[in-house]
Amino acid sequence: MLNIKQMIVSNWHFMRVLRLGAGLFIAYQAWQDGTILVGLLGSIFIFQAISNTGCCASGTCAVQSGKETRNSRHNN
């Protein structure tokens, strides 16, 4: 249980705060308008901010470098 608490309160960066702000704003607007699907979208953003997950949380979205090795080139 301590690990989950530590994960929530540590490592806050700009994108995590932005996701939380966007999620809270979207959820509030959905509550005002009474739209359930938009509220679901807002709750997804809030969940991503709290759990620090998202597209690049696992580190698999890195752009490959432009360097090619001799073995990776295709000869025509």
C-alpha atoms as a PDB file:
ATOM      1  CA  MET A   1       0.000   0.000   0.000  1.00  0.00           C
ATOM      2  CA  LEU A   2       2.910   2.333   0.687  1.00  0.00           C
ATOM      3  CA  ASN A   3       4.151   1.855  -2.877  1.00  0.00           C
ATOM      4  CA  ILE A   4       0.834   3.071  -4.348  1.00  0.00           C
ATOM      5  CA  LYS A   5       0.837   6.150  -2.116  1.00  0.00           C
ATOM      6  CA  GLN A   6       4.435   6.906  -3.087  1.00  0.00           C
ATOM      7  CA  MET A   7       3.566   6.514  -6.792  1.00  0.00           C
ATOM      8  CA  ILE A   8       0.685   8.990  -6.483  1.00  0.00           C
ATOM      9  CA  VAL A   9       2.516  11.714  -4.555  1.00  0.00           C
ATOM     10  CA  SER A  10       5.897  11.577  -6.304  1.00  0.00           C
ATOM     11  CA  ASN A  11       7.237  12.332  -9.785  1.00  0.00           C
ATOM     12  CA  TRP A  12       4.816  15.111 -10.734  1.00  0.00           C
ATOM     13  CA  HIS A  13       5.892  16.813 -13.961  1.00  0.00           C
ATOM     14  CA  PHE A  14       4.293  19.238 -16.394  1.00  0.00           C
ATOM     15  CA  MET A  15       2.410  16.683 -18.501  1.00  0.00           C
ATOM     16  CA  ARG A  16       1.016  14.946 -15.439  1.00  0.00           C
ATOM     17  CA  VAL A  17      -0.289  18.227 -14.032  1.00  0.00           C
ATOM     18  CA  LEU A  18      -1.666  19.155 -17.461  1.00  0.00           C
ATOM     19  CA  ARG A  19      -3.544  15.841 -17.689  1.00  0.00           C
ATOM     20  CA  LEU A  20      -4.988  16.370 -14.223  1.00  0.00           C
ATOM     21  CA  GLY A  21      -6.084  19.912 -15.045  1.00  0.00           C
ATOM     22  CA  ALA A  22      -7.609  18.876 -18.357  1.00  0.00           C
ATOM     23  CA  GLY A  23      -9.375  15.932 -16.732  1.00  0.00           C
ATOM     24  CA  LEU A  24     -10.818  18.060 -13.948  1.00  0.00           C
ATOM     25  CA  PHE A  25     -11.961  20.709 -16.419  1.00  0.00           C
ATOM     26  CA  ILE A  26     -13.561  18.155 -18.752  1.00  0.00           C
ATOM     27  CA  ALA A  27     -15.231  16.338 -15.851  1.00  0.00           C
ATOM     28  CA  TYR A  28     -16.609  19.612 -14.471  1.00  0.00           C
ATOM     29  CA  GLN A  29     -17.977  20.621 -17.872  1.00  0.00           C
ATOM     30  CA  ALA A  30     -19.558  17.179 -18.265  1.00  0.00           C
ATOM     31  CA  TRP A  31     -21.161  17.488 -14.836  1.00  0.00           C
ATOM     32  CA  GLN A  32     -22.562  20.916 -15.749  1.00  0.00           C
ATOM     33  CA  ASP A  33     -23.929  19.707 -19.094  1.00  0.00           C
ATOM     34  CA  GLY A  34     -25.016  16.283 -17.859  1.00  0.00           C
ATOM     35  CA  THR A  35     -23.111  14.364 -20.540  1.00  0.00           C
ATOM     36  CA  ILE A  36     -21.966  10.939 -19.424  1.00  0.00           C
ATOM     37  CA  LEU A  37     -19.543  10.169 -22.276  1.00  0.00           C
ATOM     38  CA  VAL A  38     -17.653  13.425 -21.852  1.00  0.00           C
ATOM     39  CA  GLY A  39     -17.498  12.682 -18.120  1.00  0.00           C
ATOM     40  CA  LEU A  40     -15.959   9.323 -18.936  1.00  0.00           C
ATOM     41  CA  LEU A  41     -13.309  11.062 -21.026  1.00  0.00           C
ATOM     42  CA  GLY A  42     -12.543  13.422 -18.149  1.00  0.00           C
ATOM     43  CA  SER A  43     -12.281  10.530 -15.716  1.00  0.00           C
ATOM     44  CA  ILE A  44      -9.816   8.785 -18.040  1.00  0.00           C
ATOM     45  CA  PHE A  45      -7.601  11.881 -18.000  1.00  0.00           C
ATOM     46  CA  ILE A  46      -7.840  12.063 -14.200  1.00  0.00           C
ATOM     47  CA  PHE A  47      -6.952   8.370 -13.890  1.00  0.00           C
ATOM     48  CA  GLN A  48      -3.951   8.829 -16.182  1.00  0.00           C
ATOM     49  CA  ALA A  49      -2.719  11.745 -14.094  1.00  0.00           C
ATOM     50  CA  ILE A  50      -3.126   9.965 -10.768  1.00  0.00           C
ATOM     51  CA  SER A  51      -1.585   6.681 -11.921  1.00  0.00           C
ATOM     52  CA  ASN A  52       1.070   8.406 -14.095  1.00  0.00           C
ATOM     53  CA  THR A  53       0.124   6.359 -17.141  1.00  0.00           C
ATOM     54  CA  GLY A  54      -0.528   7.362 -20.694  1.00  0.00           C
ATOM     55  CA  CYS A  55       0.930   6.960 -24.120  1.00  0.00           C
ATOM     56  CA  CYS A  56       4.576   7.347 -23.179  1.00  0.00           C
ATOM     57  CA  ALA A  57       4.505   6.175 -19.557  1.00  0.00           C
ATOM     58  CA  SER A  58       6.073   2.836 -20.462  1.00  0.00           C
ATOM     59  CA  GLY A  59       8.797   4.437 -22.568  1.00  0.00           C
ATOM     60  CA  THR A  60       7.800   2.616 -25.745  1.00  0.00           C
ATOM     61  CA  CYS A  61       6.940   5.763 -27.707  1.00  0.00           C
ATOM     62  CA  ALA A  62      10.543   6.861 -28.162  1.00  0.00           C
ATOM     63  CA  VAL A  63      11.563   8.025 -31.610  1.00  0.00           C
ATOM     64  CA  GLN A  64      14.318   5.943 -33.147  1.00  0.00           C
ATOM     65  CA  SER A  65      17.547   7.675 -33.979  1.00  0.00           C
ATOM     66  CA  GLY A  66      18.331   8.450 -37.602  1.00  0.00           C
ATOM     67  CA  LYS A  67      21.529   6.406 -37.548  1.00  0.00           C
ATOM     68  CA  GLU A  68      21.531   3.257 -39.628  1.00  0.00           C
ATOM     69  CA  THR A  69      23.922   0.406 -39.210  1.00  0.00           C
ATOM     70  CA  ARG A  70      25.546  -1.289 -42.147  1.00  0.00           C
ATOM     71  CA  ASN A  71      23.482  -4.467 -41.598  1.00  0.00           C
ATOM     72  CA  SER A  72      20.135  -2.667 -41.593  1.00  0.00           C
ATOM     73  CA  ARG A  73      20.459  -1.138 -45.074  1.00  0.00           C
ATOM     74  CA  HIS A  74      18.684  -2.817 -47.943  1.00  0.00           C
ATOM     75  CA  ASN A  75      20.688  -3.276 -51.116  1.00  0.00           C
ATOM     76  CA  ASN A  76      18.782  -2.824 -54.367  1.00  0.00           C
END
